[in-house]
N, C-alpha and C. Protein backbone atom coordinates (compact mmCIF):
# COMPACT_ATOMS: atom_id res chain seq x y z
N MET A 1 90.97 68.62 85.53
CA MET A 1 90.71 69.38 86.51
C MET A 1 89.65 70.57 86.15
N SER A 2 88.51 70.79 86.83
CA SER A 2 87.44 71.80 86.35
C SER A 2 88.14 73.26 86.82
N GLU A 3 87.45 74.18 86.27
CA GLU A 3 87.74 75.48 86.65
C GLU A 3 87.56 75.90 88.16
N ALA A 4 86.63 75.29 88.79
CA ALA A 4 86.52 75.49 90.25
C ALA A 4 87.46 74.86 91.09
N GLN A 5 87.96 73.63 90.45
CA GLN A 5 88.88 72.80 91.30
C GLN A 5 90.21 73.77 91.10
N THR A 6 90.57 74.04 89.78
CA THR A 6 91.67 74.95 89.64
C THR A 6 91.93 76.14 90.49
N LEU A 7 90.67 77.02 90.53
CA LEU A 7 90.86 78.03 91.25
C LEU A 7 90.96 77.80 92.80
N ALA A 8 90.18 76.73 93.21
CA ALA A 8 90.53 76.32 94.62
C ALA A 8 91.90 76.14 95.14
N VAL A 9 92.60 75.35 94.10
CA VAL A 9 94.00 74.89 94.38
C VAL A 9 94.89 76.44 94.39
N ILE A 10 94.60 77.20 93.28
CA ILE A 10 95.20 78.52 93.29
C ILE A 10 94.81 79.61 94.43
N ALA A 11 93.76 79.53 94.92
CA ALA A 11 93.32 80.22 96.12
C ALA A 11 94.12 79.67 97.29
N GLY A 12 94.18 78.47 97.39
CA GLY A 12 94.59 77.66 98.66
C GLY A 12 96.22 78.02 98.68
N GLY A 13 96.72 77.94 97.56
CA GLY A 13 98.14 78.28 97.51
C GLY A 13 98.50 79.58 97.65
N VAL A 14 97.79 80.62 97.38
CA VAL A 14 98.18 81.95 97.45
C VAL A 14 97.71 82.39 98.89
N GLY A 15 96.57 81.79 99.40
CA GLY A 15 96.25 82.04 100.90
C GLY A 15 97.33 81.62 101.68
N GLY A 16 97.78 80.21 101.45
CA GLY A 16 98.55 79.85 102.29
C GLY A 16 100.03 80.63 102.33
N ALA A 17 100.62 81.09 101.10
CA ALA A 17 101.75 81.64 100.98
C ALA A 17 101.51 82.97 101.85
N VAL A 18 100.57 83.76 101.68
CA VAL A 18 100.52 85.03 102.31
C VAL A 18 100.25 84.75 103.83
N GLY A 19 99.34 83.79 104.19
CA GLY A 19 99.24 83.39 105.59
C GLY A 19 100.49 83.11 106.18
N ALA A 20 101.33 82.28 105.60
CA ALA A 20 102.60 81.90 106.22
C ALA A 20 103.42 83.08 106.37
N PHE A 21 103.51 84.05 105.36
CA PHE A 21 104.38 85.23 105.51
C PHE A 21 103.79 86.17 106.62
N VAL A 22 102.43 86.34 106.61
CA VAL A 22 101.90 87.23 107.96
C VAL A 22 102.23 86.44 109.19
N GLY A 23 101.89 85.12 109.23
CA GLY A 23 102.14 84.49 110.60
C GLY A 23 103.38 84.51 111.11
N VAL A 24 104.46 84.24 110.38
CA VAL A 24 105.90 84.55 110.68
C VAL A 24 106.57 85.96 110.90
N ALA A 25 105.71 87.03 110.15
CA ALA A 25 106.16 88.23 110.57
C ALA A 25 105.43 88.66 111.66
N VAL A 26 104.35 88.17 112.18
CA VAL A 26 103.75 88.66 113.44
C VAL A 26 104.54 87.97 114.51
N GLY A 27 105.02 86.81 114.31
CA GLY A 27 105.69 86.12 115.46
C GLY A 27 104.95 85.73 116.60
N GLY A 28 105.62 85.43 117.71
CA GLY A 28 105.19 84.96 118.96
C GLY A 28 105.12 83.65 119.18
N SER A 29 104.39 83.01 119.97
CA SER A 29 104.38 81.47 120.12
C SER A 29 104.10 80.72 118.79
N GLY A 30 104.36 79.44 118.92
CA GLY A 30 103.90 78.76 117.63
C GLY A 30 102.58 78.44 117.45
N LEU A 31 101.75 78.64 118.58
CA LEU A 31 100.14 78.55 118.37
C LEU A 31 99.63 79.92 117.82
N SER A 32 100.34 81.07 118.18
CA SER A 32 99.75 82.27 117.69
C SER A 32 99.97 82.27 116.03
N VAL A 33 101.45 81.86 115.78
CA VAL A 33 101.85 81.93 114.43
C VAL A 33 100.82 81.10 113.60
N ALA A 34 100.70 79.75 114.02
CA ALA A 34 99.92 78.82 113.10
C ALA A 34 98.46 79.50 113.27
N LEU A 35 97.80 80.11 114.23
CA LEU A 35 96.57 80.50 114.01
C LEU A 35 96.39 81.75 113.18
N THR A 36 97.35 82.70 113.38
CA THR A 36 97.27 83.79 112.29
C THR A 36 97.38 83.29 111.11
N THR A 37 98.29 82.48 110.81
CA THR A 37 98.61 81.93 109.40
C THR A 37 97.42 81.16 108.82
N SER A 38 96.76 80.42 109.56
CA SER A 38 95.18 79.80 109.13
C SER A 38 94.34 80.79 108.75
N VAL A 39 94.12 81.85 109.86
CA VAL A 39 92.93 83.01 109.50
C VAL A 39 93.38 83.67 108.26
N VAL A 40 94.49 84.20 107.96
CA VAL A 40 94.94 84.99 106.96
C VAL A 40 94.72 84.36 105.70
N ALA A 41 95.26 82.99 105.57
CA ALA A 41 95.12 81.83 104.60
C ALA A 41 93.71 81.70 104.20
N LEU A 42 92.95 81.75 105.00
CA LEU A 42 91.35 81.28 105.01
C LEU A 42 90.89 82.72 104.07
N LEU A 43 91.17 83.86 104.78
CA LEU A 43 90.53 85.18 104.22
C LEU A 43 91.26 85.33 102.91
N VAL A 44 92.24 85.13 102.57
CA VAL A 44 92.87 85.50 101.18
C VAL A 44 92.30 84.40 100.23
N GLY A 45 92.08 83.18 100.52
CA GLY A 45 91.71 82.38 99.71
C GLY A 45 90.13 82.41 99.42
N VAL A 46 89.37 82.84 100.31
CA VAL A 46 88.07 83.37 100.16
C VAL A 46 87.81 84.51 99.06
N ALA A 47 88.81 85.52 99.50
CA ALA A 47 89.00 86.63 98.50
C ALA A 47 89.13 86.37 97.00
N VAL A 48 90.29 85.47 97.02
CA VAL A 48 90.53 85.16 95.45
C VAL A 48 89.35 84.45 94.75
N ILE A 49 88.65 83.62 95.43
CA ILE A 49 87.53 82.98 94.97
C ILE A 49 86.38 83.89 94.70
N ALA A 50 86.13 84.80 95.63
CA ALA A 50 84.97 85.63 95.42
C ALA A 50 85.40 86.67 94.36
N SER A 51 86.64 87.06 94.19
CA SER A 51 86.93 88.05 93.19
C SER A 51 86.81 87.50 91.69
N ALA A 52 86.98 86.19 91.65
CA ALA A 52 86.92 85.48 90.37
C ALA A 52 85.46 85.25 90.12
N VAL A 53 84.61 84.77 90.96
CA VAL A 53 83.31 84.77 90.73
C VAL A 53 82.47 85.97 90.45
N ILE A 54 83.03 87.06 91.05
CA ILE A 54 82.45 88.25 90.60
C ILE A 54 82.76 88.76 89.28
N ALA A 55 84.09 88.61 89.07
CA ALA A 55 84.54 88.86 87.53
C ALA A 55 83.84 87.90 86.56
N GLY A 56 83.24 86.82 86.89
CA GLY A 56 82.65 86.06 85.91
C GLY A 56 83.65 84.91 85.38
N ASP A 57 84.71 84.87 85.86
CA ASP A 57 85.73 83.94 85.37
C ASP A 57 85.19 82.50 85.66
N VAL A 58 84.51 82.13 86.88
CA VAL A 58 84.15 80.85 87.19
C VAL A 58 82.82 80.74 87.72
N GLU A 59 82.17 79.87 87.06
CA GLU A 59 80.72 79.60 87.40
C GLU A 59 80.67 78.32 88.37
N PHE A 60 80.11 78.56 89.68
CA PHE A 60 80.08 77.36 90.52
C PHE A 60 78.73 76.78 90.48
N LEU A 61 77.81 77.30 89.81
CA LEU A 61 76.45 76.76 89.89
C LEU A 61 76.33 75.99 88.47
N ALA A 62 75.82 74.66 88.76
CA ALA A 62 75.59 73.82 87.46
C ALA A 62 74.25 73.64 87.15
N ASP A 63 73.92 73.27 86.06
CA ASP A 63 72.48 72.95 85.81
C ASP A 63 72.10 71.70 86.30
N ALA A 64 70.86 71.41 86.32
CA ALA A 64 70.32 70.20 86.88
C ALA A 64 70.90 68.96 86.30
N ASP A 65 71.08 69.17 84.88
CA ASP A 65 71.65 67.97 84.17
C ASP A 65 73.27 67.91 84.48
N GLY A 66 73.84 68.58 85.08
CA GLY A 66 74.92 68.35 85.57
C GLY A 66 76.13 69.25 84.54
N GLU A 67 75.28 69.97 83.78
CA GLU A 67 76.39 70.82 82.92
C GLU A 67 76.70 72.10 83.31
């Protein structure tokens, strides 16, 4: 698995966990919990990826020859 794929899995896991916690904490109907969970998971996942890219840990851009 490449660095980008590994990071995507980690970001998804962290985002999903935080999103689920926030969704349940907010409560309400099943739809609102699911929507809150999805939005928070997406935001956290994007933040994890962005911070790694900014820190230079992962390079998403490949050369023309695929390296």
